[in-house]
Amino acid sequence: MKRLFVLILFVAAAFTGFSQNAITTFIFVRHAEKIADGSKDPELSEAGKKRAEALAVLLAQTKLDAIYSTKFKRTEMTAAPLAKVLSLSIQNYDGGKLEEIDAMLQKHAAGTVLVVGHSNTTPGIINYLTGKPEYKNFDDSDYGNLVIVSVTEKGKQVKVTWLRY
């Protein structure tokens, strides 16, 4: 937990030499494990609930300005334990609308935001911020990625740190 906080500070400090612009930090995670009930909007499985709690423990000491989630049970349930710990409300976004990412970048300039999304949208958003098509969709069985993206200037001055939790 402390290592993640130190890592976030280190990544942010690395940008001070690049520019005097504000550094906005996004922390991206895919929703935790879901139950296989055949529906389009399943809830989290027991393993998923444990992963959501682990995320809350991991980021409990992180100063977040906002928590964003798509409007699905699995993403909202992933964000909920941390939102409760930090006394933040969960704001919804549409992972397919990149203009919403631009709005987050503007609204939370120099801040830190958690964004809970999906295996097929999160990598595309990271690519959008970096301006490079480097990141592929997550495998359907992969739930442990935590990606820190520090943005000074979208598409030009962006640092990506990929972790697992």
C-alpha atoms as a PDB file:
ATOM      1  CA  MET A   1       0.000   0.000   0.000  1.00  0.00           C
ATOM      2  CA  LYS A   2       2.725   2.455   0.963  1.00  0.00           C
ATOM      3  CA  ARG A   3       4.778   1.281  -2.014  1.00  0.00           C
ATOM      4  CA  LEU A   4       1.953   2.197  -4.389  1.00  0.00           C
ATOM      5  CA  PHE A   5       1.642   5.652  -2.827  1.00  0.00           C
ATOM      6  CA  VAL A   6       5.428   6.174  -3.109  1.00  0.00           C
ATOM      7  CA  LEU A   7       5.305   4.949  -6.711  1.00  0.00           C
ATOM      8  CA  ILE A   8       2.532   7.414  -7.552  1.00  0.00           C
ATOM      9  CA  LEU A   9       4.567  10.227  -6.000  1.00  0.00           C
ATOM     10  CA  PHE A  10       7.672   9.112  -7.893  1.00  0.00           C
ATOM     11  CA  VAL A  11       5.819   9.044 -11.219  1.00  0.00           C
ATOM     12  CA  ALA A  12       4.373  12.488 -10.546  1.00  0.00           C
ATOM     13  CA  ALA A  13       7.785  13.867  -9.544  1.00  0.00           C
ATOM     14  CA  ALA A  14       9.343  12.518 -12.730  1.00  0.00           C
ATOM     15  CA  PHE A  15       7.185  14.887 -14.753  1.00  0.00           C
ATOM     16  CA  THR A  16       8.368  18.052 -13.017  1.00  0.00           C
ATOM     17  CA  GLY A  17      11.429  18.158 -15.251  1.00  0.00           C
ATOM     18  CA  PHE A  18       9.313  17.898 -18.403  1.00  0.00           C
ATOM     19  CA  SER A  19       6.964  20.794 -17.983  1.00  0.00           C
ATOM     20  CA  GLN A  20       5.466  23.316 -15.651  1.00  0.00           C
ATOM     21  CA  ASN A  21       2.001  22.073 -16.630  1.00  0.00           C
ATOM     22  CA  ALA A  22      -0.187  20.302 -14.114  1.00  0.00           C
ATOM     23  CA  ILE A  23       0.092  16.534 -13.844  1.00  0.00           C
ATOM     24  CA  THR A  24      -3.206  14.688 -13.797  1.00  0.00           C
ATOM     25  CA  THR A  25      -3.044  11.103 -12.592  1.00  0.00           C
ATOM     26  CA  PHE A  26      -5.507   8.452 -13.665  1.00  0.00           C
ATOM     27  CA  ILE A  27      -5.627   5.088 -11.932  1.00  0.00           C
ATOM     28  CA  PHE A  28      -7.357   2.590 -14.214  1.00  0.00           C
ATOM     29  CA  VAL A  29      -8.698  -0.797 -13.163  1.00  0.00           C
ATOM     30  CA  ARG A  30     -10.990  -3.258 -14.817  1.00  0.00           C
ATOM     31  CA  HIS A  31     -13.982  -4.369 -12.782  1.00  0.00           C
ATOM     32  CA  ALA A  32     -13.335  -7.331 -10.502  1.00  0.00           C
ATOM     33  CA  GLU A  33     -14.462 -10.903 -11.190  1.00  0.00           C
ATOM     34  CA  LYS A  34     -18.127 -11.213 -12.100  1.00  0.00           C
ATOM     35  CA  ILE A  35     -20.608 -14.025 -11.702  1.00  0.00           C
ATOM     36  CA  ALA A  36     -21.386 -15.973 -14.878  1.00  0.00           C
ATOM     37  CA  ASP A  37     -25.158 -15.692 -14.862  1.00  0.00           C
ATOM     38  CA  GLY A  38     -25.570 -15.067 -18.588  1.00  0.00           C
ATOM     39  CA  SER A  39     -26.904 -11.540 -18.067  1.00  0.00           C
ATOM     40  CA  LYS A  40     -25.494  -8.365 -19.576  1.00  0.00           C
ATOM     41  CA  ASP A  41     -25.141  -6.783 -16.142  1.00  0.00           C
ATOM     42  CA  PRO A  42     -23.894  -9.366 -13.638  1.00  0.00           C
ATOM     43  CA  GLU A  43     -22.812  -8.626 -10.097  1.00  0.00           C
ATOM     44  CA  LEU A  44     -19.415  -9.490  -8.668  1.00  0.00           C
ATOM     45  CA  SER A  45     -18.588 -13.031  -7.632  1.00  0.00           C
ATOM     46  CA  GLU A  46     -17.209 -13.742  -4.152  1.00  0.00           C
ATOM     47  CA  ALA A  47     -13.689 -13.527  -5.629  1.00  0.00           C
ATOM     48  CA  GLY A  48     -14.645 -10.206  -7.205  1.00  0.00           C
ATOM     49  CA  LYS A  49     -15.936  -8.840  -3.910  1.00  0.00           C
ATOM     50  CA  LYS A  50     -12.642  -9.785  -2.272  1.00  0.00           C
ATOM     51  CA  ARG A  51     -10.694  -8.074  -5.077  1.00  0.00           C
ATOM     52  CA  ALA A  52     -12.819  -4.920  -4.680  1.00  0.00           C
ATOM     53  CA  GLU A  53     -12.031  -4.914  -0.950  1.00  0.00           C
ATOM     54  CA  ALA A  54      -8.324  -5.428  -1.745  1.00  0.00           C
ATOM     55  CA  LEU A  55      -8.442  -2.403  -4.067  1.00  0.00           C
ATOM     56  CA  ALA A  56      -9.985  -0.350  -1.259  1.00  0.00           C
ATOM     57  CA  VAL A  57      -7.212  -1.395   1.129  1.00  0.00           C
ATOM     58  CA  LEU A  58      -4.536  -0.713  -1.495  1.00  0.00           C
ATOM     59  CA  LEU A  59      -5.765   2.796  -2.325  1.00  0.00           C
ATOM     60  CA  ALA A  60      -7.169   3.824   1.071  1.00  0.00           C
ATOM     61  CA  GLN A  61      -4.272   6.226   1.696  1.00  0.00           C
ATOM     62  CA  THR A  62      -4.388   7.731  -1.802  1.00  0.00           C
ATOM     63  CA  LYS A  63      -5.919  11.187  -2.121  1.00  0.00           C
ATOM     64  CA  LEU A  64      -8.441  10.798  -4.886  1.00  0.00           C
ATOM     65  CA  ASP A  65     -10.373  13.720  -6.315  1.00  0.00           C
ATOM     66  CA  ALA A  66     -12.982  11.484  -7.925  1.00  0.00           C
ATOM     67  CA  ILE A  67     -14.026   7.915  -8.627  1.00  0.00           C
ATOM     68  CA  TYR A  68     -15.577   7.101 -11.993  1.00  0.00           C
ATOM     69  CA  SER A  69     -17.357   3.917 -13.024  1.00  0.00           C
ATOM     70  CA  THR A  70     -19.396   2.823 -15.982  1.00  0.00           C
ATOM     71  CA  LYS A  71     -23.100   2.234 -15.272  1.00  0.00           C
ATOM     72  CA  PHE A  72     -22.800  -1.505 -14.685  1.00  0.00           C
ATOM     73  CA  LYS A  73     -23.210  -3.401 -11.424  1.00  0.00           C
ATOM     74  CA  ARG A  74     -19.765  -5.014 -11.697  1.00  0.00           C
ATOM     75  CA  THR A  75     -17.895  -1.723 -12.118  1.00  0.00           C
ATOM     76  CA  GLU A  76     -19.884   0.117  -9.476  1.00  0.00           C
ATOM     77  CA  MET A  77     -19.452  -2.789  -7.049  1.00  0.00           C
ATOM     78  CA  THR A  78     -15.693  -2.724  -7.707  1.00  0.00           C
ATOM     79  CA  ALA A  79     -15.512   0.989  -6.890  1.00  0.00           C
ATOM     80  CA  ALA A  80     -17.932   0.942  -3.942  1.00  0.00           C
ATOM     81  CA  PRO A  81     -15.646  -0.243  -1.097  1.00  0.00           C
ATOM     82  CA  LEU A  82     -13.038   2.435  -1.898  1.00  0.00           C
ATOM     83  CA  ALA A  83     -15.700   5.111  -2.356  1.00  0.00           C
ATOM     84  CA  LYS A  84     -17.018   4.242   1.095  1.00  0.00           C
ATOM     85  CA  VAL A  85     -13.540   4.363   2.693  1.00  0.00           C
ATOM     86  CA  LEU A  86     -12.766   7.738   1.088  1.00  0.00           C
ATOM     87  CA  SER A  87     -16.296   9.150   1.488  1.00  0.00           C
ATOM     88  CA  LEU A  88     -16.563   9.832  -2.249  1.00  0.00           C
ATOM     89  CA  SER A  89     -19.521   9.332  -4.518  1.00  0.00           C
ATOM     90  CA  ILE A  90     -19.148   7.240  -7.651  1.00  0.00           C
ATOM     91  CA  GLN A  91     -19.619   9.257 -10.819  1.00  0.00           C
ATOM     92  CA  ASN A  92     -20.660   7.492 -14.002  1.00  0.00           C
ATOM     93  CA  TYR A  93     -18.990   7.764 -17.384  1.00  0.00           C
ATOM     94  CA  ASP A  94     -19.401   6.065 -20.753  1.00  0.00           C
ATOM     95  CA  GLY A  95     -16.231   4.142 -21.630  1.00  0.00           C
ATOM     96  CA  GLY A  96     -17.003   4.505 -25.328  1.00  0.00           C
ATOM     97  CA  LYS A  97     -17.101   8.302 -25.291  1.00  0.00           C
ATOM     98  CA  LEU A  98     -13.565   9.668 -25.276  1.00  0.00           C
ATOM     99  CA  GLU A  99     -14.833  13.228 -24.879  1.00  0.00           C
ATOM    100  CA  GLU A 100     -15.787  12.182 -21.347  1.00  0.00           C
ATOM    101  CA  ILE A 101     -12.113  11.386 -20.700  1.00  0.00           C
ATOM    102  CA  ASP A 102     -11.220  14.876 -21.953  1.00  0.00           C
ATOM    103  CA  ALA A 103     -13.800  16.305 -19.537  1.00  0.00           C
ATOM    104  CA  MET A 104     -12.243  14.337 -16.645  1.00  0.00           C
ATOM    105  CA  LEU A 105      -8.792  15.574 -17.638  1.00  0.00           C
ATOM    106  CA  GLN A 106      -9.991  19.167 -17.593  1.00  0.00           C
ATOM    107  CA  LYS A 107     -12.167  18.893 -14.488  1.00  0.00           C
ATOM    108  CA  HIS A 108      -9.502  17.120 -12.403  1.00  0.00           C
ATOM    109  CA  ALA A 109      -6.371  18.867 -13.717  1.00  0.00           C
ATOM    110  CA  ALA A 110      -3.490  18.294 -11.275  1.00  0.00           C
ATOM    111  CA  GLY A 111      -5.625  15.754  -9.406  1.00  0.00           C
ATOM    112  CA  THR A 112      -5.891  11.992  -9.111  1.00  0.00           C
ATOM    113  CA  VAL A 113      -8.856  10.003 -10.382  1.00  0.00           C
ATOM    114  CA  LEU A 114      -9.794   6.311 -10.203  1.00  0.00           C
ATOM    115  CA  VAL A 115     -11.533   5.031 -13.333  1.00  0.00           C
ATOM    116  CA  VAL A 116     -13.170   1.592 -13.209  1.00  0.00           C
ATOM    117  CA  GLY A 117     -13.901   0.156 -16.622  1.00  0.00           C
ATOM    118  CA  HIS A 118     -13.825  -2.937 -18.769  1.00  0.00           C
ATOM    119  CA  SER A 119     -11.382  -5.235 -20.548  1.00  0.00           C
ATOM    120  CA  ASN A 120     -12.353  -3.807 -23.929  1.00  0.00           C
ATOM    121  CA  THR A 121     -12.478  -0.085 -23.068  1.00  0.00           C
ATOM    122  CA  THR A 122      -9.739   0.626 -20.511  1.00  0.00           C
ATOM    123  CA  PRO A 123      -6.768  -0.117 -22.819  1.00  0.00           C
ATOM    124  CA  GLY A 124      -8.319   2.074 -25.531  1.00  0.00           C
ATOM    125  CA  ILE A 125      -8.657   4.958 -23.099  1.00  0.00           C
ATOM    126  CA  ILE A 126      -4.998   4.542 -22.114  1.00  0.00           C
ATOM    127  CA  ASN A 127      -4.060   4.566 -25.820  1.00  0.00           C
ATOM    128  CA  TYR A 128      -6.135   7.724 -26.263  1.00  0.00           C
ATOM    129  CA  LEU A 129      -4.274   9.476 -23.453  1.00  0.00           C
ATOM    130  CA  THR A 130      -0.837   8.381 -24.656  1.00  0.00           C
ATOM    131  CA  GLY A 131      -1.588   9.013 -28.320  1.00  0.00           C
ATOM    132  CA  LYS A 132      -0.158   5.580 -29.204  1.00  0.00           C
ATOM    133  CA  PRO A 133      -1.955   2.301 -29.964  1.00  0.00           C
ATOM    134  CA  GLU A 134       0.288   0.261 -27.648  1.00  0.00           C
ATOM    135  CA  TYR A 135      -2.158  -1.429 -25.296  1.00  0.00           C
ATOM    136  CA  LYS A 136      -4.450  -4.305 -26.263  1.00  0.00           C
ATOM    137  CA  ASN A 137      -7.703  -5.363 -24.643  1.00  0.00           C
ATOM    138  CA  PHE A 138      -7.307  -7.373 -21.453  1.00  0.00           C
ATOM    139  CA  ASP A 139      -7.893 -11.100 -21.601  1.00  0.00           C
ATOM    140  CA  ASP A 140     -11.364 -11.976 -20.288  1.00  0.00           C
ATOM    141  CA  SER A 141      -9.827 -13.901 -17.382  1.00  0.00           C
ATOM    142  CA  ASP A 142      -7.439 -11.082 -16.364  1.00  0.00           C
ATOM    143  CA  TYR A 143      -8.764  -8.924 -13.528  1.00  0.00           C
ATOM    144  CA  GLY A 144      -5.612  -7.800 -11.733  1.00  0.00           C
ATOM    145  CA  ASN A 145      -4.316  -4.867 -13.777  1.00  0.00           C
ATOM    146  CA  LEU A 146      -3.883  -1.482 -12.140  1.00  0.00           C
ATOM    147  CA  VAL A 147      -2.555   1.115 -14.559  1.00  0.00           C
ATOM    148  CA  ILE A 148      -1.353   4.536 -13.434  1.00  0.00           C
ATOM    149  CA  VAL A 149      -1.327   7.116 -16.215  1.00  0.00           C
ATOM    150  CA  SER A 150       0.220  10.498 -15.431  1.00  0.00           C
ATOM    151  CA  VAL A 151      -0.689  13.103 -18.020  1.00  0.00           C
ATOM    152  CA  THR A 152       0.987  16.462 -18.452  1.00  0.00           C
ATOM    153  CA  GLU A 153      -0.092  16.894 -22.058  1.00  0.00           C
ATOM    154  CA  LYS A 154      -2.382  14.338 -23.688  1.00  0.00           C
ATOM    155  CA  GLY A 155      -0.605  12.443 -26.448  1.00  0.00           C
ATOM    156  CA  LYS A 156       2.786  13.987 -25.733  1.00  0.00           C
ATOM    157  CA  GLN A 157       3.839  13.951 -22.090  1.00  0.00           C
ATOM    158  CA  VAL A 158       2.308  10.841 -20.611  1.00  0.00           C
ATOM    159  CA  LYS A 159       3.843   8.264 -18.281  1.00  0.00           C
ATOM    160  CA  VAL A 160       2.275   4.804 -17.907  1.00  0.00           C
ATOM    161  CA  THR A 161       3.021   2.530 -14.953  1.00  0.00           C
ATOM    162  CA  TRP A 162       1.492  -0.950 -15.090  1.00  0.00           C
ATOM    163  CA  LEU A 163       0.985  -2.830 -11.827  1.00  0.00           C
ATOM    164  CA  ARG A 164      -0.905  -5.896 -10.613  1.00  0.00           C
ATOM    165  CA  TYR A 165      -3.035  -6.183  -7.501  1.00  0.00           C
END
